[in-house]
Protein backbone atom coordinates (compact mmCIF):
# COMPACT_ATOMS: atom_id res chain seq x y z
CA UNK A 1 173.55 78.22 111.79
CA UNK A 2 176.74 79.43 113.44
CA UNK A 3 177.90 76.75 115.92
CA UNK A 4 178.59 79.27 118.73
CA UNK A 5 175.07 80.70 118.45
CA UNK A 6 173.61 77.18 118.37
CA UNK A 7 175.62 76.13 121.44
CA UNK A 8 174.59 79.23 123.34
CA UNK A 9 170.94 78.51 122.60
CA UNK A 10 171.31 74.95 123.84
CA UNK A 11 172.94 76.20 127.06
CA UNK A 12 170.00 78.51 127.70
CA UNK A 13 167.51 75.75 127.02
CA UNK A 14 169.24 73.45 129.50
CA UNK A 15 169.41 76.10 132.22
CA UNK A 16 172.94 77.15 131.23
CA UNK A 17 174.63 73.92 132.20
CA UNK A 18 178.01 75.47 131.41
CA UNK A 19 178.74 79.13 132.00
CA UNK A 20 181.99 80.96 131.43
CA UNK A 21 183.09 83.56 133.97
CA UNK A 22 181.58 86.98 133.29
CA UNK A 23 183.82 89.68 131.85
CA UNK A 24 185.79 91.54 134.50
CA UNK A 25 183.63 94.61 134.02
CA UNK A 26 180.35 92.71 134.41
CA UNK A 27 178.47 91.77 137.55
CA UNK A 28 175.99 88.91 137.96
CA UNK A 29 172.44 89.91 138.91
CA UNK A 30 169.92 87.44 140.31
CA UNK A 31 166.21 88.08 139.79
CA UNK A 32 163.34 86.22 141.44
CA UNK A 33 159.62 86.61 141.01
CA UNK A 34 156.24 84.97 140.80
CA UNK A 35 155.65 82.17 138.33
CA UNK A 36 151.87 82.11 138.00
CA UNK A 37 151.80 84.26 134.85
CA UNK A 38 154.60 82.79 132.78
CA UNK A 39 157.63 83.31 135.00
CA UNK A 40 160.03 80.37 135.15
CA UNK A 41 162.08 80.84 138.30
CA UNK A 42 165.37 82.52 139.27
CA UNK A 43 167.12 84.29 136.40
CA UNK A 44 170.84 85.07 136.27
CA UNK A 45 171.68 88.17 134.24
CA UNK A 46 174.82 90.03 133.24
CA UNK A 47 174.73 93.62 134.60
CA UNK A 48 177.10 96.23 133.17
CA UNK A 49 178.08 98.62 136.01
CA UNK A 50 179.48 101.15 133.53
CA UNK A 51 176.23 101.72 131.65
CA UNK A 52 173.72 100.46 134.21
CA UNK A 53 172.16 98.05 131.74
CA UNK A 54 171.02 94.47 132.16
CA UNK A 55 171.66 92.00 129.35
CA UNK A 56 168.59 91.36 127.22
CA UNK A 57 168.64 87.62 127.89
CA UNK A 58 169.45 85.73 131.09
CA UNK A 59 172.52 83.55 131.25
CA UNK A 60 170.59 80.96 133.24
CA UNK A 61 167.04 80.36 134.42
CA UNK A 62 166.76 78.01 137.36
CA UNK A 63 163.25 76.58 137.42
CA UNK A 64 161.49 77.22 140.75
CA UNK A 65 157.98 77.97 141.93
CA UNK A 66 157.41 81.55 143.10
CA UNK A 67 160.98 82.39 144.22
CA UNK A 68 159.82 85.75 145.55
CA UNK A 69 162.70 86.43 147.99
CA UNK A 70 166.41 85.65 147.69
CA UNK A 71 168.94 85.38 150.53
CA UNK A 72 172.71 85.11 150.11
CA UNK A 73 175.08 83.42 152.55
CA UNK A 74 177.83 85.52 154.12
CA UNK A 75 180.53 83.90 151.99
CA UNK A 76 178.48 84.40 148.82
CA UNK A 77 178.53 80.71 147.92
CA UNK A 78 174.97 79.67 148.76
CA UNK A 79 171.59 81.13 147.88
CA UNK A 80 168.26 80.51 149.57
CA UNK A 81 164.94 81.26 147.88
CA UNK A 82 161.49 81.12 149.43
CA UNK A 83 158.88 79.38 147.28
CA UNK A 84 155.82 81.51 148.03
CA UNK A 85 153.27 78.76 147.51
CA UNK A 86 149.91 78.39 149.21
CA UNK A 87 146.31 77.36 148.85
CA UNK A 88 144.86 77.45 145.35
CA UNK A 89 148.25 77.27 143.64
CA UNK A 90 149.75 74.44 141.59
CA UNK A 91 151.87 73.60 144.62
CA UNK A 92 149.90 74.48 147.78
CA UNK A 93 152.89 73.87 150.10
CA UNK A 94 155.19 76.72 151.15
CA UNK A 95 158.84 75.78 150.68
CA UNK A 96 162.41 77.09 150.80
CA UNK A 97 165.10 76.08 148.31
CA UNK A 98 168.88 75.97 148.68
CA UNK A 99 171.42 76.46 145.87
CA UNK A 100 175.15 76.43 145.42
CA UNK A 101 176.26 79.69 143.78
CA UNK A 102 179.36 80.22 141.66
CA UNK A 103 180.58 83.75 142.57
CA UNK A 104 182.42 84.07 139.23
CA UNK A 105 179.29 84.09 137.12
CA UNK A 106 176.27 83.71 139.40
CA UNK A 107 175.52 80.20 138.16
CA UNK A 108 173.15 78.26 140.44
CA UNK A 109 173.14 74.54 141.22
CA UNK A 110 170.13 73.17 143.08
CA UNK A 111 170.89 71.52 146.43
CA UNK A 112 167.58 70.72 148.12
CA UNK A 113 164.17 72.03 149.13
CA UNK A 114 162.25 71.79 152.41
CA UNK A 115 158.72 72.66 153.49
CA UNK A 116 158.46 75.96 155.37
CA UNK A 117 155.64 74.59 157.56
CA UNK A 118 153.52 77.58 156.64
CA UNK A 119 151.75 79.16 153.69
CA UNK A 120 153.18 81.81 151.36
CA UNK A 121 156.67 82.31 152.81
CA UNK A 122 157.67 85.82 151.71
CA UNK A 123 161.06 86.41 153.34
CA UNK A 124 164.02 84.57 154.81
CA UNK A 125 167.30 85.54 156.42
CA UNK A 126 170.29 83.70 157.84
CA UNK A 127 171.52 83.89 161.40
CA UNK A 128 174.78 85.83 161.59
CA UNK A 129 176.68 82.61 162.21
CA UNK A 130 175.02 80.98 159.20
CA UNK A 131 173.67 78.03 161.18
CA UNK A 132 169.93 78.69 160.81
CA UNK A 133 167.53 80.16 158.26
CA UNK A 134 164.65 82.26 159.65
CA UNK A 135 161.57 81.98 157.42
CA UNK A 136 158.62 84.39 157.42
CA UNK A 137 155.44 82.50 156.49
CA UNK A 138 153.04 85.28 155.59
CA UNK A 139 149.91 83.14 154.99
CA UNK A 140 147.36 85.06 152.93
CA UNK A 141 144.40 83.32 154.58
CA UNK A 142 143.51 83.62 158.26
CA UNK A 143 143.75 79.86 158.62
CA UNK A 144 146.48 78.77 159.32
CA UNK A 145 147.82 82.33 159.70
CA UNK A 146 151.40 83.52 159.53
CA UNK A 147 154.32 82.01 161.44
CA UNK A 148 158.05 82.35 161.96
CA UNK A 149 159.89 79.12 161.15
CA UNK A 150 163.50 78.07 161.79
CA UNK A 151 165.43 75.63 159.59
CA UNK A 152 169.00 74.45 160.28
CA UNK A 153 171.63 74.98 157.59
CA UNK A 154 173.91 71.98 157.04
CA UNK A 155 177.66 72.18 156.45
CA UNK A 156 177.28 71.79 152.68
CA UNK A 157 174.66 74.55 152.46
CA UNK A 158 171.62 72.29 152.25
CA UNK A 159 168.64 72.89 154.52
CA UNK A 160 167.42 70.50 157.18
CA UNK A 161 163.68 70.32 157.96
CA UNK A 162 162.15 73.10 160.05
CA UNK A 163 162.70 72.51 163.77
CA UNK A 164 160.86 75.44 165.40
CA UNK A 165 157.72 77.46 164.60
CA UNK A 166 156.61 80.63 166.40
CA UNK A 167 153.01 81.89 166.30
CA UNK A 168 151.56 85.32 167.12
CA UNK A 169 148.19 86.93 167.83
CA UNK A 170 146.53 89.23 165.27
CA UNK A 171 145.58 92.82 166.07
CA UNK A 172 142.19 92.50 164.31
CA UNK A 173 142.27 96.23 163.55
CA UNK A 174 141.67 95.66 159.83
CA UNK A 175 139.06 92.93 159.40
CA UNK A 176 140.37 91.93 155.97
CA UNK A 177 144.13 92.13 156.36
CA UNK A 178 144.64 91.57 160.08
CA UNK A 179 142.33 88.69 160.91
CA UNK A 180 145.40 86.59 161.67
CA UNK A 181 149.14 86.93 162.05
CA UNK A 182 151.07 87.71 158.85
CA UNK A 183 154.82 87.47 159.48
CA UNK A 184 156.40 89.47 156.66
CA UNK A 185 160.11 89.34 157.52
CA UNK A 186 162.65 88.20 160.10
CA UNK A 187 165.96 90.02 160.63
CA UNK A 188 168.88 89.45 163.00
CA UNK A 189 170.37 92.22 165.10
CA UNK A 190 173.84 93.41 164.02
CA UNK A 191 175.53 91.35 166.74
CA UNK A 192 173.45 88.29 165.87
CA UNK A 193 172.09 87.80 169.39
CA UNK A 194 168.48 88.69 168.61
CA UNK A 195 165.96 88.17 165.81
CA UNK A 196 163.08 90.53 165.02
CA UNK A 197 159.92 89.28 163.28
CA UNK A 198 157.80 91.94 161.58
CA UNK A 199 154.15 90.87 161.81
CA UNK A 200 151.82 92.87 159.56
CA UNK A 201 148.75 91.14 160.98
CA UNK A 202 149.68 91.89 164.59
CA UNK A 203 150.98 95.49 164.25
CA UNK A 204 153.97 94.28 166.24
CA UNK A 205 157.65 93.52 165.90
CA UNK A 206 158.37 90.39 167.94
CA UNK A 207 161.80 90.14 169.56
CA UNK A 208 163.53 86.79 170.07
CA UNK A 209 166.77 85.87 171.75
CA UNK A 210 168.96 83.66 169.55
CA UNK A 211 170.89 80.84 171.21
CA UNK A 212 172.41 78.32 168.77
CA UNK A 213 173.30 76.03 171.67
CA UNK A 214 169.58 75.27 171.95
CA UNK A 215 169.60 73.07 168.86
CA UNK A 216 165.87 72.33 168.76
CA UNK A 217 164.64 75.72 169.98
CA UNK A 218 167.20 78.43 169.15
CA UNK A 219 164.66 81.27 169.50
CA UNK A 220 163.04 82.39 172.75
CA UNK A 221 161.06 85.54 173.59
CA UNK A 222 163.07 88.49 174.87
CA UNK A 223 162.29 88.96 178.59
CA UNK A 224 160.64 92.23 179.55
CA UNK A 225 159.78 93.36 176.02
CA UNK A 226 158.73 90.42 173.83
CA UNK A 227 157.41 92.80 171.19
CA UNK A 228 157.24 96.42 170.06
CA UNK A 229 153.68 97.63 169.48
CA UNK A 230 153.30 99.89 166.44
CA UNK A 231 150.36 102.16 165.52
CA UNK A 232 147.10 100.19 165.12
CA UNK A 233 146.50 99.20 161.52
CA UNK A 234 150.00 100.24 160.39
CA UNK A 235 151.18 96.78 159.29
CA UNK A 236 154.98 96.44 159.78
CA UNK A 237 156.62 94.75 156.78
CA UNK A 238 160.42 94.86 156.32
CA UNK A 239 163.23 96.00 158.64
CA UNK A 240 166.86 96.98 158.09
CA UNK A 241 169.48 98.25 160.52
CA UNK A 242 171.31 101.55 160.10
CA UNK A 243 175.10 101.73 159.87
CA UNK A 244 176.48 101.37 163.37
CA UNK A 245 173.52 99.27 164.48
CA UNK A 246 171.98 101.76 166.93
CA UNK A 247 168.90 102.44 164.80
CA UNK A 248 166.67 100.36 162.56
CA UNK A 249 164.09 101.25 159.92
CA UNK A 250 160.82 99.44 159.30
CA UNK A 251 158.25 99.96 156.58
CA UNK A 252 154.67 100.29 157.79
CA UNK A 253 152.95 98.87 154.74
CA UNK A 254 149.33 99.68 155.50
CA UNK A 255 150.13 103.19 156.78
CA UNK A 256 152.42 104.00 153.84
CA UNK A 257 155.21 105.14 156.16
CA UNK A 258 158.69 104.31 157.42
CA UNK A 259 159.53 104.30 161.13
CA UNK A 260 162.92 105.03 162.69
CA UNK A 261 163.60 102.79 165.69
CA UNK A 262 166.25 103.11 168.37
CA UNK A 263 167.88 99.79 169.21
CA UNK A 264 169.71 98.50 172.29
CA UNK A 265 170.18 94.97 173.68
CA UNK A 266 167.20 93.34 172.02
CA UNK A 267 164.84 96.28 172.57
CA UNK A 268 163.33 98.64 169.98
CA UNK A 269 161.64 102.00 170.57
CA UNK A 270 160.06 104.38 168.06
CA UNK A 271 161.92 107.62 167.42
CA UNK A 272 160.32 108.93 164.20
CA UNK A 273 157.54 108.01 161.75
CA UNK A 274 157.71 109.51 158.25
CA UNK A 275 154.92 109.24 155.64
CA UNK A 276 156.03 108.32 152.14
CA UNK A 277 153.31 110.03 150.11
CA UNK A 278 153.27 113.83 149.80
CA UNK A 279 151.05 115.95 152.01
CA UNK A 280 147.45 115.88 150.84
CA UNK A 281 147.84 112.67 148.84
CA UNK A 282 144.42 110.99 148.62
CA UNK A 283 145.33 107.81 146.77
CA UNK A 284 146.22 104.35 147.98
CA UNK A 285 149.55 103.77 149.75
CA UNK A 286 151.54 100.61 150.42
CA UNK A 287 155.06 100.88 151.83
CA UNK A 288 157.17 97.95 150.66
CA UNK A 289 160.94 97.63 150.23
CA UNK A 290 163.66 99.60 152.00
CA UNK A 291 167.45 99.49 151.78
CA UNK A 292 170.39 101.54 153.02
CA UNK A 293 172.66 102.84 150.24
CA UNK A 294 176.07 101.18 149.78
CA UNK A 295 177.83 104.12 151.45
CA UNK A 296 175.44 104.06 154.43
CA UNK A 297 174.38 107.70 153.99
CA UNK A 298 170.88 107.26 152.57
CA UNK A 299 167.76 105.15 152.99
CA UNK A 300 165.40 104.52 150.08
CA UNK A 301 161.86 103.15 150.36
CA UNK A 302 159.21 102.16 147.81
CA UNK A 303 155.57 103.18 148.10
CA UNK A 304 153.07 101.19 146.05
CA UNK A 305 149.30 101.57 145.73
CA UNK A 306 148.59 104.49 143.40
CA UNK A 307 151.69 106.39 144.48
CA UNK A 308 154.38 104.14 142.92
CA UNK A 309 157.43 106.16 143.93
CA UNK A 310 160.91 105.52 145.29
CA UNK A 311 161.46 107.91 148.19
CA UNK A 312 165.02 108.69 149.31
CA UNK A 313 166.12 110.03 152.69
CA UNK A 314 169.40 111.30 154.11
CA UNK A 315 170.34 109.53 157.35
CA UNK A 316 171.42 111.75 160.23
CA UNK A 317 174.71 110.15 161.39
CA UNK A 318 174.09 111.30 164.95
CA UNK A 319 170.70 109.77 165.64
CA UNK A 320 169.57 107.96 162.47
CA UNK A 321 166.61 110.24 161.78
CA UNK A 322 165.51 110.78 158.19
CA UNK A 323 165.24 113.84 155.96
CA UNK A 324 163.67 113.41 152.55
CA UNK A 325 165.93 114.33 149.64
CA UNK A 326 164.08 112.88 146.65
CA UNK A 327 160.85 111.33 145.33
CA UNK A 328 161.15 109.54 141.99
CA UNK A 329 158.28 107.92 140.09
CA UNK A 330 159.25 104.31 139.32
CA UNK A 331 157.66 104.42 135.85
CA UNK A 332 155.73 101.28 136.65
CA UNK A 333 153.20 99.67 138.94
CA UNK A 334 153.69 98.02 142.35
CA UNK A 335 157.43 98.46 143.03
CA UNK A 336 157.76 95.46 145.32
CA UNK A 337 161.55 95.49 145.61
CA UNK A 338 164.65 97.38 144.46
CA UNK A 339 168.43 97.15 144.69
CA UNK A 340 171.30 99.60 144.60
CA UNK A 341 174.09 98.76 142.18
CA UNK A 342 177.19 97.96 144.28
CA UNK A 343 178.78 101.35 143.57
CA UNK A 344 175.54 103.23 144.22
CA UNK A 345 175.41 104.88 140.78
CA UNK A 346 172.27 103.02 139.68
CA UNK A 347 169.13 101.72 141.33
CA UNK A 348 167.07 98.84 139.94
CA UNK A 349 163.34 98.66 140.70
CA UNK A 350 161.23 95.50 140.42
CA UNK A 351 157.84 96.75 139.23
CA UNK A 352 155.80 93.62 139.92
CA UNK A 353 152.49 94.99 138.66
CA UNK A 354 153.83 96.09 135.27
CA UNK A 355 156.09 93.05 134.70
CA UNK A 356 159.35 94.94 134.32
CA UNK A 357 162.61 95.96 135.96
CA UNK A 358 163.42 99.67 135.63
CA UNK A 359 167.00 100.91 135.96
CA UNK A 360 167.67 104.53 136.97
CA UNK A 361 170.79 106.61 137.33
CA UNK A 362 171.51 107.79 140.86
CA UNK A 363 173.83 110.43 142.28
CA UNK A 364 175.69 108.76 145.19
CA UNK A 365 176.60 112.16 146.64
CA UNK A 366 173.07 113.55 146.90
CA UNK A 367 170.93 110.42 146.86
CA UNK A 368 168.85 111.85 144.03
CA UNK A 369 167.55 109.36 141.45
CA UNK A 370 167.69 110.60 137.89
CA UNK A 371 166.92 109.42 134.39
CA UNK A 372 165.75 105.95 133.51
CA UNK A 373 168.33 104.08 131.44
CA UNK A 374 166.48 100.80 130.82
CA UNK A 375 163.24 98.89 131.14
CA UNK A 376 163.62 95.10 131.03
CA UNK A 377 160.56 92.89 130.68
CA UNK A 378 160.27 90.29 133.45
CA UNK A 379 157.14 88.52 134.67
CA UNK A 380 156.17 89.75 138.16
CA UNK A 381 159.67 90.53 139.50
CA UNK A 382 159.93 90.64 143.28
CA UNK A 383 163.59 90.10 144.23
CA UNK A 384 166.86 91.64 142.98
CA UNK A 385 170.26 90.59 144.29
CA UNK A 386 173.88 91.33 143.37
CA UNK A 387 175.86 88.35 144.69
CA UNK A 388 179.20 90.18 144.59
């Protein structure tokens, strides 16, 4: 056997203990997913931005249980992954893992792991100053129910144990899905002074003031408007802010819609609600991921259920309202997440239900998603991240 081939195989088997920098034209791509059906953990791939293709084999696979959401530090040198564990799984304890990341090639080195003090953590984000990690414990079962947890980030990137946990009341509108709180995400305001927790089980977005000087309790309810109530049974999921920070967008998972919110000083108000499925659609909906395009001109959102489309909207620069410009079938089932390539010319979709990542061409000028250029097999993908 050729020695170079043999050595490369050994590197893969050992989790790519030694990785050379990627070619100048290549970009590292991190993929997370669920590990109950053969997945191994976080995979590091080589993505070619010229062709929009992902290398057939990962450069590294970092073993981890259910790394379903990935969060990058502002300097790009640390990665945080939720371990979406819960009752009935091999590891019943929800956790969050910290890694050192080499920006040259995306290589990961494990730092530490802490309990999230909740079941099935599905999302995490860093405070703008990088001092705390906000963890959304979804909790599939009504007991204990979902919570928002706060873990300090140490100087070397490791996580300290959770110091604060926030609980909410369920709306009880849907007896099956809203019998308890289900915190699905937590996102800081653009200025970093507030944190918003999207609670699918409560039909509310909870607003918290962030004060890092309060070392043991950095989050406190916003006076006057501790939450934004959304339509009963709508199930808020993920939130992103628009360019400029005066509007935000939130997916309403159970309603299959996206809402445009006006934002000012810790307060959110609803401006517009847009359904994702076409008029007259009688199937099942399930709004999931949403992201603003790299140039800030478009918002794209996935709809799951039996729709399974990526829906793209033009953003009105004056007031943030949305106008649909495209609906593209994702050629798969349950598009849980997606990512724009850094230059906006491709979009990658994690089709969790069909165990594959689909890559499509995209016109950055119009926001229209075109032909599929690749389908890459991956067990239950749920997170896609370009670290540079």
